[in-house]
Amino acid sequence: MVFPGSQVITAEMSKGRNAGAYFGMWELSWGVGGGIGNYLGSWLVKQPGGFEWSWYVYAAIGLICCILLVRLRDFDKKY
């Protein structure tokens, strides 16, 4: 469900302009974010009390991303 939905959103964001660049950046962010997330997650779990703390870190990252996406949506409406 995530991949088709995100591809539709990426295509809509391009608004007919260089859609390849939008999809390229989407794939790049997915790859970089996945690599960082896998490394950070395994490192956090290995720390003392890491299993519990890792969920706080994940929640903070999710909240920051949500705020940034809302700001991006508002920015897109202005321009």
PDB file of N, CA and C in Angstrom:
ATOM      1  N   MET A   1       0.820  -1.188   0.000  1.00  0.00           N
ATOM      2  CA  MET A   1       0.000   0.000   0.000  1.00  0.00           C
ATOM      3  C   MET A   1       0.872   1.263   0.000  1.00  0.00           C
ATOM      4  N   VAL A   2       2.042   1.190   0.611  1.00  0.00           N
ATOM      5  CA  VAL A   2       2.876   2.382   0.738  1.00  0.00           C
ATOM      6  C   VAL A   2       3.482   2.754  -0.610  1.00  0.00           C
ATOM      7  N   PHE A   3       4.031   1.787  -1.324  1.00  0.00           N
ATOM      8  CA  PHE A   3       4.728   2.115  -2.566  1.00  0.00           C
ATOM      9  C   PHE A   3       3.818   2.697  -3.647  1.00  0.00           C
ATOM     10  N   PRO A   4       2.671   2.090  -3.952  1.00  0.00           N
ATOM     11  CA  PRO A   4       1.816   2.714  -4.968  1.00  0.00           C
ATOM     12  C   PRO A   4       1.331   4.099  -4.558  1.00  0.00           C
ATOM     13  N   GLY A   5       0.998   4.259  -3.284  1.00  0.00           N
ATOM     14  CA  GLY A   5       0.537   5.568  -2.816  1.00  0.00           C
ATOM     15  C   GLY A   5       1.614   6.624  -2.900  1.00  0.00           C
ATOM     16  N   SER A   6       2.828   6.260  -2.522  1.00  0.00           N
ATOM     17  CA  SER A   6       3.911   7.245  -2.574  1.00  0.00           C
ATOM     18  C   SER A   6       4.300   7.555  -4.023  1.00  0.00           C
ATOM     19  N   GLN A   7       4.164   6.599  -4.915  1.00  0.00           N
ATOM     20  CA  GLN A   7       4.452   6.877  -6.324  1.00  0.00           C
ATOM     21  C   GLN A   7       3.406   7.821  -6.920  1.00  0.00           C
ATOM     22  N   VAL A   8       2.164   7.646  -6.539  1.00  0.00           N
ATOM     23  CA  VAL A   8       1.114   8.551  -7.019  1.00  0.00           C
ATOM     24  C   VAL A   8       1.358   9.962  -6.497  1.00  0.00           C
ATOM     25  N   ILE A   9       1.706  10.074  -5.218  1.00  0.00           N
ATOM     26  CA  ILE A   9       1.974  11.395  -4.645  1.00  0.00           C
ATOM     27  C   ILE A   9       3.184  12.034  -5.307  1.00  0.00           C
ATOM     28  N   THR A  10       4.227  11.245  -5.564  1.00  0.00           N
ATOM     29  CA  THR A  10       5.417  11.780  -6.229  1.00  0.00           C
ATOM     30  C   THR A  10       5.076  12.275  -7.621  1.00  0.00           C
ATOM     31  N   ALA A  11       4.264  11.531  -8.357  1.00  0.00           N
ATOM     32  CA  ALA A  11       3.862  11.966  -9.700  1.00  0.00           C
ATOM     33  C   ALA A  11       3.031  13.242  -9.640  1.00  0.00           C
ATOM     34  N   GLU A  12       2.154  13.352  -8.636  1.00  0.00           N
ATOM     35  CA  GLU A  12       1.339  14.565  -8.508  1.00  0.00           C
ATOM     36  C   GLU A  12       2.185  15.772  -8.123  1.00  0.00           C
ATOM     37  N   MET A  13       3.219  15.556  -7.305  1.00  0.00           N
ATOM     38  CA  MET A  13       4.073  16.666  -6.892  1.00  0.00           C
ATOM     39  C   MET A  13       4.872  17.235  -8.060  1.00  0.00           C
ATOM     40  N   SER A  14       5.192  16.393  -9.032  1.00  0.00           N
ATOM     41  CA  SER A  14       6.004  16.870 -10.154  1.00  0.00           C
ATOM     42  C   SER A  14       5.242  17.837 -11.054  1.00  0.00           C
ATOM     43  N   LYS A  15       3.907  17.744 -11.056  1.00  0.00           N
ATOM     44  CA  LYS A  15       3.062  18.637 -11.856  1.00  0.00           C
ATOM     45  C   LYS A  15       3.534  18.735 -13.313  1.00  0.00           C
ATOM     46  N   GLY A  16       3.976  17.591 -13.853  1.00  0.00           N
ATOM     47  CA  GLY A  16       4.382  17.555 -15.246  1.00  0.00           C
ATOM     48  C   GLY A  16       5.793  18.050 -15.521  1.00  0.00           C
ATOM     49  N   ARG A  17       6.485  18.494 -14.491  1.00  0.00           N
ATOM     50  CA  ARG A  17       7.859  18.971 -14.673  1.00  0.00           C
ATOM     51  C   ARG A  17       8.823  17.857 -14.319  1.00  0.00           C
ATOM     52  N   ASN A  18       9.694  17.483 -15.150  1.00  0.00           N
ATOM     53  CA  ASN A  18      10.797  16.564 -14.899  1.00  0.00           C
ATOM     54  C   ASN A  18      10.470  15.528 -13.825  1.00  0.00           C
ATOM     55  N   ALA A  19       9.538  14.672 -14.115  1.00  0.00           N
ATOM     56  CA  ALA A  19       9.099  13.666 -13.145  1.00  0.00           C
ATOM     57  C   ALA A  19      10.227  12.712 -12.771  1.00  0.00           C
ATOM     58  N   GLY A  20      11.164  12.494 -13.667  1.00  0.00           N
ATOM     59  CA  GLY A  20      12.293  11.613 -13.375  1.00  0.00           C
ATOM     60  C   GLY A  20      13.130  12.104 -12.212  1.00  0.00           C
ATOM     61  N   ALA A  21      13.297  13.416 -12.106  1.00  0.00           N
ATOM     62  CA  ALA A  21      14.066  13.981 -10.994  1.00  0.00           C
ATOM     63  C   ALA A  21      13.325  13.771  -9.679  1.00  0.00           C
ATOM     64  N   TYR A  22      12.017  13.904  -9.698  1.00  0.00           N
ATOM     65  CA  TYR A  22      11.236  13.693  -8.488  1.00  0.00           C
ATOM     66  C   TYR A  22      11.320  12.230  -8.044  1.00  0.00           C
ATOM     67  N   PHE A  23      11.190  11.302  -8.993  1.00  0.00           N
ATOM     68  CA  PHE A  23      11.286   9.891  -8.639  1.00  0.00           C
ATOM     69  C   PHE A  23      12.706   9.521  -8.218  1.00  0.00           C
ATOM     70  N   GLY A  24      13.711  10.124  -8.827  1.00  0.00           N
ATOM     71  CA  GLY A  24      15.095   9.872  -8.440  1.00  0.00           C
ATOM     72  C   GLY A  24      15.372  10.322  -7.018  1.00  0.00           C
ATOM     73  N   MET A  25      14.882  11.500  -6.660  1.00  0.00           N
ATOM     74  CA  MET A  25      15.072  11.987  -5.296  1.00  0.00           C
ATOM     75  C   MET A  25      14.290  11.137  -4.298  1.00  0.00           C
ATOM     76  N   TRP A  26      13.125  10.651  -4.708  1.00  0.00           N
ATOM     77  CA  TRP A  26      12.336   9.781  -3.827  1.00  0.00           C
ATOM     78  C   TRP A  26      13.101   8.490  -3.547  1.00  0.00           C
ATOM     79  N   GLU A  27      13.670   7.897  -4.574  1.00  0.00           N
ATOM     80  CA  GLU A  27      14.434   6.663  -4.401  1.00  0.00           C
ATOM     81  C   GLU A  27      15.699   6.915  -3.582  1.00  0.00           C
ATOM     82  N   LEU A  28      16.351   8.046  -3.816  1.00  0.00           N
ATOM     83  CA  LEU A  28      17.560   8.382  -3.064  1.00  0.00           C
ATOM     84  C   LEU A  28      17.236   8.555  -1.581  1.00  0.00           C
ATOM     85  N   SER A  29      16.165   9.270  -1.282  1.00  0.00           N
ATOM     86  CA  SER A  29      15.805   9.474   0.119  1.00  0.00           C
ATOM     87  C   SER A  29      15.410   8.155   0.767  1.00  0.00           C
ATOM     88  N   TRP A  30      14.747   7.281   0.020  1.00  0.00           N
ATOM     89  CA  TRP A  30      14.364   5.978   0.556  1.00  0.00           C
ATOM     90  C   TRP A  30      15.615   5.145   0.869  1.00  0.00           C
ATOM     91  N   GLY A  31      16.592   5.176  -0.012  1.00  0.00           N
ATOM     92  CA  GLY A  31      17.822   4.411   0.198  1.00  0.00           C
ATOM     93  C   GLY A  31      18.659   4.943   1.346  1.00  0.00           C
ATOM     94  N   VAL A  32      18.853   6.251   1.391  1.00  0.00           N
ATOM     95  CA  VAL A  32      19.656   6.855   2.451  1.00  0.00           C
ATOM     96  C   VAL A  32      18.943   6.701   3.797  1.00  0.00           C
ATOM     97  N   GLY A  33      17.661   6.992   3.823  1.00  0.00           N
ATOM     98  CA  GLY A  33      16.904   6.857   5.070  1.00  0.00           C
ATOM     99  C   GLY A  33      16.861   5.424   5.568  1.00  0.00           C
ATOM    100  N   GLY A  34      16.726   4.484   4.667  1.00  0.00           N
ATOM    101  CA  GLY A  34      16.722   3.076   5.067  1.00  0.00           C
ATOM    102  C   GLY A  34      18.060   2.636   5.635  1.00  0.00           C
ATOM    103  N   GLY A  35      19.140   3.079   5.008  1.00  0.00           N
ATOM    104  CA  GLY A  35      20.470   2.739   5.517  1.00  0.00           C
ATOM    105  C   GLY A  35      20.729   3.320   6.891  1.00  0.00           C
ATOM    106  N   ILE A  36      20.396   4.592   7.049  1.00  0.00           N
ATOM    107  CA  ILE A  36      20.578   5.239   8.352  1.00  0.00           C
ATOM    108  C   ILE A  36      19.677   4.590   9.401  1.00  0.00           C
ATOM    109  N   GLY A  37      18.441   4.320   9.040  1.00  0.00           N
ATOM    110  CA  GLY A  37      17.500   3.718   9.983  1.00  0.00           C
ATOM    111  C   GLY A  37      17.916   2.329  10.432  1.00  0.00           C
ATOM    112  N   ASN A  38      18.403   1.517   9.502  1.00  0.00           N
ATOM    113  CA  ASN A  38      18.845   0.174   9.877  1.00  0.00           C
ATOM    114  C   ASN A  38      20.060   0.227  10.800  1.00  0.00           C
ATOM    115  N   TYR A  39      21.010   1.085  10.486  1.00  0.00           N
ATOM    116  CA  TYR A  39      22.197   1.211  11.326  1.00  0.00           C
ATOM    117  C   TYR A  39      21.833   1.780  12.698  1.00  0.00           C
ATOM    118  N   LEU A  40      21.074   2.882  12.723  1.00  0.00           N
ATOM    119  CA  LEU A  40      20.703   3.524  13.978  1.00  0.00           C
ATOM    120  C   LEU A  40      19.857   2.593  14.846  1.00  0.00           C
ATOM    121  N   GLY A  41      18.935   1.878  14.246  1.00  0.00           N
ATOM    122  CA  GLY A  41      18.088   0.964  14.998  1.00  0.00           C
ATOM    123  C   GLY A  41      18.877  -0.156  15.651  1.00  0.00           C
ATOM    124  N   SER A  42      19.775  -0.771  14.917  1.00  0.00           N
ATOM    125  CA  SER A  42      20.561  -1.855  15.517  1.00  0.00           C
ATOM    126  C   SER A  42      21.513  -1.325  16.578  1.00  0.00           C
ATOM    127  N   TRP A  43      22.063  -0.138  16.372  1.00  0.00           N
ATOM    128  CA  TRP A  43      22.960   0.455  17.371  1.00  0.00           C
ATOM    129  C   TRP A  43      22.196   0.803  18.645  1.00  0.00           C
ATOM    130  N   LEU A  44      21.001   1.367  18.511  1.00  0.00           N
ATOM    131  CA  LEU A  44      20.210   1.738  19.674  1.00  0.00           C
ATOM    132  C   LEU A  44      19.804   0.526  20.507  1.00  0.00           C
ATOM    133  N   VAL A  45      19.448  -0.559  19.847  1.00  0.00           N
ATOM    134  CA  VAL A  45      19.008  -1.747  20.573  1.00  0.00           C
ATOM    135  C   VAL A  45      20.167  -2.364  21.353  1.00  0.00           C
ATOM    136  N   LYS A  46      21.395  -2.216  20.850  1.00  0.00           N
ATOM    137  CA  LYS A  46      22.555  -2.784  21.541  1.00  0.00           C
ATOM    138  C   LYS A  46      22.982  -1.961  22.755  1.00  0.00           C
ATOM    139  N   GLN A  47      22.510  -0.733  22.881  1.00  0.00           N
ATOM    140  CA  GLN A  47      22.869   0.111  24.021  1.00  0.00           C
ATOM    141  C   GLN A  47      22.140  -0.365  25.269  1.00  0.00           C
ATOM    142  N   PRO A  48      22.728  -0.093  26.472  1.00  0.00           N
ATOM    143  CA  PRO A  48      22.027  -0.480  27.710  1.00  0.00           C
ATOM    144  C   PRO A  48      20.659   0.219  27.789  1.00  0.00           C
ATOM    145  N   GLY A  49      19.614  -0.548  27.982  1.00  0.00           N
ATOM    146  CA  GLY A  49      18.255  -0.002  28.005  1.00  0.00           C
ATOM    147  C   GLY A  49      17.818   0.483  26.634  1.00  0.00           C
ATOM    148  N   GLY A  50      18.521   0.038  25.614  1.00  0.00           N
ATOM    149  CA  GLY A  50      18.301   0.547  24.259  1.00  0.00           C
ATOM    150  C   GLY A  50      16.968   0.177  23.654  1.00  0.00           C
ATOM    151  N   PHE A  51      16.444  -0.976  24.036  1.00  0.00           N
ATOM    152  CA  PHE A  51      15.182  -1.380  23.429  1.00  0.00           C
ATOM    153  C   PHE A  51      14.080  -0.395  23.760  1.00  0.00           C
ATOM    154  N   GLU A  52      14.027   0.048  24.997  1.00  0.00           N
ATOM    155  CA  GLU A  52      12.999   1.012  25.386  1.00  0.00           C
ATOM    156  C   GLU A  52      13.268   2.386  24.779  1.00  0.00           C
ATOM    157  N   TRP A  53      14.516   2.824  24.817  1.00  0.00           N
ATOM    158  CA  TRP A  53      14.868   4.153  24.300  1.00  0.00           C
ATOM    159  C   TRP A  53      14.721   4.248  22.788  1.00  0.00           C
ATOM    160  N   SER A  54      14.914   3.137  22.117  1.00  0.00           N
ATOM    161  CA  SER A  54      14.813   3.192  20.661  1.00  0.00           C
ATOM    162  C   SER A  54      13.433   3.650  20.213  1.00  0.00           C
ATOM    163  N   TRP A  55      12.386   3.289  20.947  1.00  0.00           N
ATOM    164  CA  TRP A  55      11.036   3.694  20.574  1.00  0.00           C
ATOM    165  C   TRP A  55      10.836   5.195  20.751  1.00  0.00           C
ATOM    166  N   TYR A  56      11.477   5.781  21.749  1.00  0.00           N
ATOM    167  CA  TYR A  56      11.409   7.235  21.909  1.00  0.00           C
ATOM    168  C   TYR A  56      12.103   7.946  20.754  1.00  0.00           C
ATOM    169  N   VAL A  57      13.231   7.404  20.342  1.00  0.00           N
ATOM    170  CA  VAL A  57      13.948   7.994  19.204  1.00  0.00           C
ATOM    171  C   VAL A  57      13.109   7.875  17.940  1.00  0.00           C
ATOM    172  N   TYR A  58      12.515   6.714  17.710  1.00  0.00           N
ATOM    173  CA  TYR A  58      11.668   6.529  16.524  1.00  0.00           C
ATOM    174  C   TYR A  58      10.477   7.483  16.537  1.00  0.00           C
ATOM    175  N   ALA A  59       9.874   7.654  17.704  1.00  0.00           N
ATOM    176  CA  ALA A  59       8.731   8.567  17.822  1.00  0.00           C
ATOM    177  C   ALA A  59       9.157  10.006  17.538  1.00  0.00           C
ATOM    178  N   ALA A  60      10.324  10.415  18.032  1.00  0.00           N
ATOM    179  CA  ALA A  60      10.821  11.774  17.790  1.00  0.00           C
ATOM    180  C   ALA A  60      11.101  11.995  16.305  1.00  0.00           C
ATOM    181  N   ILE A  61      11.712  11.016  15.663  1.00  0.00           N
ATOM    182  CA  ILE A  61      11.992  11.128  14.232  1.00  0.00           C
ATOM    183  C   ILE A  61      10.686  11.206  13.444  1.00  0.00           C
ATOM    184  N   GLY A  62       9.709  10.393  13.804  1.00  0.00           N
ATOM    185  CA  GLY A  62       8.404  10.424  13.131  1.00  0.00           C
ATOM    186  C   GLY A  62       7.709  11.763  13.302  1.00  0.00           C
ATOM    187  N   LEU A  63       7.774  12.324  14.512  1.00  0.00           N
ATOM    188  CA  LEU A  63       7.152  13.626  14.769  1.00  0.00           C
ATOM    189  C   LEU A  63       7.837  14.731  13.963  1.00  0.00           C
ATOM    190  N   ILE A  64       9.154  14.718  13.928  1.00  0.00           N
ATOM    191  CA  ILE A  64       9.895  15.721  13.150  1.00  0.00           C
ATOM    192  C   ILE A  64       9.548  15.612  11.672  1.00  0.00           C
ATOM    193  N   CYS A  65       9.489  14.395  11.147  1.00  0.00           N
ATOM    194  CA  CYS A  65       9.145  14.204   9.735  1.00  0.00           C
ATOM    195  C   CYS A  65       7.723  14.661   9.442  1.00  0.00           C
ATOM    196  N   CYS A  66       6.809  14.408  10.351  1.00  0.00           N
ATOM    197  CA  CYS A  66       5.424  14.843  10.176  1.00  0.00           C
ATOM    198  C   CYS A  66       5.352  16.370  10.108  1.00  0.00           C
ATOM    199  N   ILE A  67       6.042  17.036  11.018  1.00  0.00           N
ATOM    200  CA  ILE A  67       6.057  18.502  11.021  1.00  0.00           C
ATOM    201  C   ILE A  67       6.657  19.037   9.722  1.00  0.00           C
ATOM    202  N   LEU A  68       7.753  18.432   9.277  1.00  0.00           N
ATOM    203  CA  LEU A  68       8.381  18.882   8.032  1.00  0.00           C
ATOM    204  C   LEU A  68       7.474  18.665   6.825  1.00  0.00           C
ATOM    205  N   LEU A  69       6.746  17.551   6.800  1.00  0.00           N
ATOM    206  CA  LEU A  69       5.834  17.295   5.684  1.00  0.00           C
ATOM    207  C   LEU A  69       4.672  18.283   5.667  1.00  0.00           C
ATOM    208  N   VAL A  70       4.166  18.656   6.824  1.00  0.00           N
ATOM    209  CA  VAL A  70       3.092  19.656   6.881  1.00  0.00           C
ATOM    210  C   VAL A  70       3.614  20.998   6.386  1.00  0.00           C
ATOM    211  N   ARG A  71       4.834  21.340   6.776  1.00  0.00           N
ATOM    212  CA  ARG A  71       5.432  22.601   6.302  1.00  0.00           C
ATOM    213  C   ARG A  71       5.658  22.557   4.789  1.00  0.00           C
ATOM    214  N   LEU A  72       6.074  21.392   4.276  1.00  0.00           N
ATOM    215  CA  LEU A  72       6.275  21.262   2.839  1.00  0.00           C
ATOM    216  C   LEU A  72       4.944  21.410   2.106  1.00  0.00           C
ATOM    217  N   ARG A  73       3.887  20.831   2.655  1.00  0.00           N
ATOM    218  CA  ARG A  73       2.567  20.960   2.043  1.00  0.00           C
ATOM    219  C   ARG A  73       2.136  22.418   1.998  1.00  0.00           C
ATOM    220  N   ASP A  74       2.342  23.142   3.094  1.00  0.00           N
ATOM    221  CA  ASP A  74       1.982  24.569   3.134  1.00  0.00           C
ATOM    222  C   ASP A  74       2.836  25.372   2.179  1.00  0.00           C
ATOM    223  N   PHE A  75       4.123  25.007   2.046  1.00  0.00           N
ATOM    224  CA  PHE A  75       5.009  25.700   1.112  1.00  0.00           C
ATOM    225  C   PHE A  75       4.548  25.468  -0.322  1.00  0.00           C
ATOM    226  N   ASP A  76       4.125  24.235  -0.612  1.00  0.00           N
ATOM    227  CA  ASP A  76       3.665  23.896  -1.970  1.00  0.00           C
ATOM    228  C   ASP A  76       2.403  24.672  -2.322  1.00  0.00           C
ATOM    229  N   LYS A  77       1.529  24.946  -1.344  1.00  0.00           N
ATOM    230  CA  LYS A  77       0.314  25.706  -1.620  1.00  0.00           C
ATOM    231  C   LYS A  77       0.610  27.162  -1.947  1.00  0.00           C
ATOM    232  N   LYS A  78       1.678  27.722  -1.364  1.00  0.00           N
ATOM    233  CA  LYS A  78       2.041  29.121  -1.616  1.00  0.00           C
ATOM    234  C   LYS A  78       2.595  29.313  -3.020  1.00  0.00           C
ATOM    235  N   TYR A  79       3.339  28.324  -3.486  1.00  0.00           N
ATOM    236  CA  TYR A  79       4.009  28.464  -4.784  1.00  0.00           C
ATOM    237  C   TYR A  79       3.432  27.511  -5.747  1.00  0.00           C
TER     238      TYR A  79
END
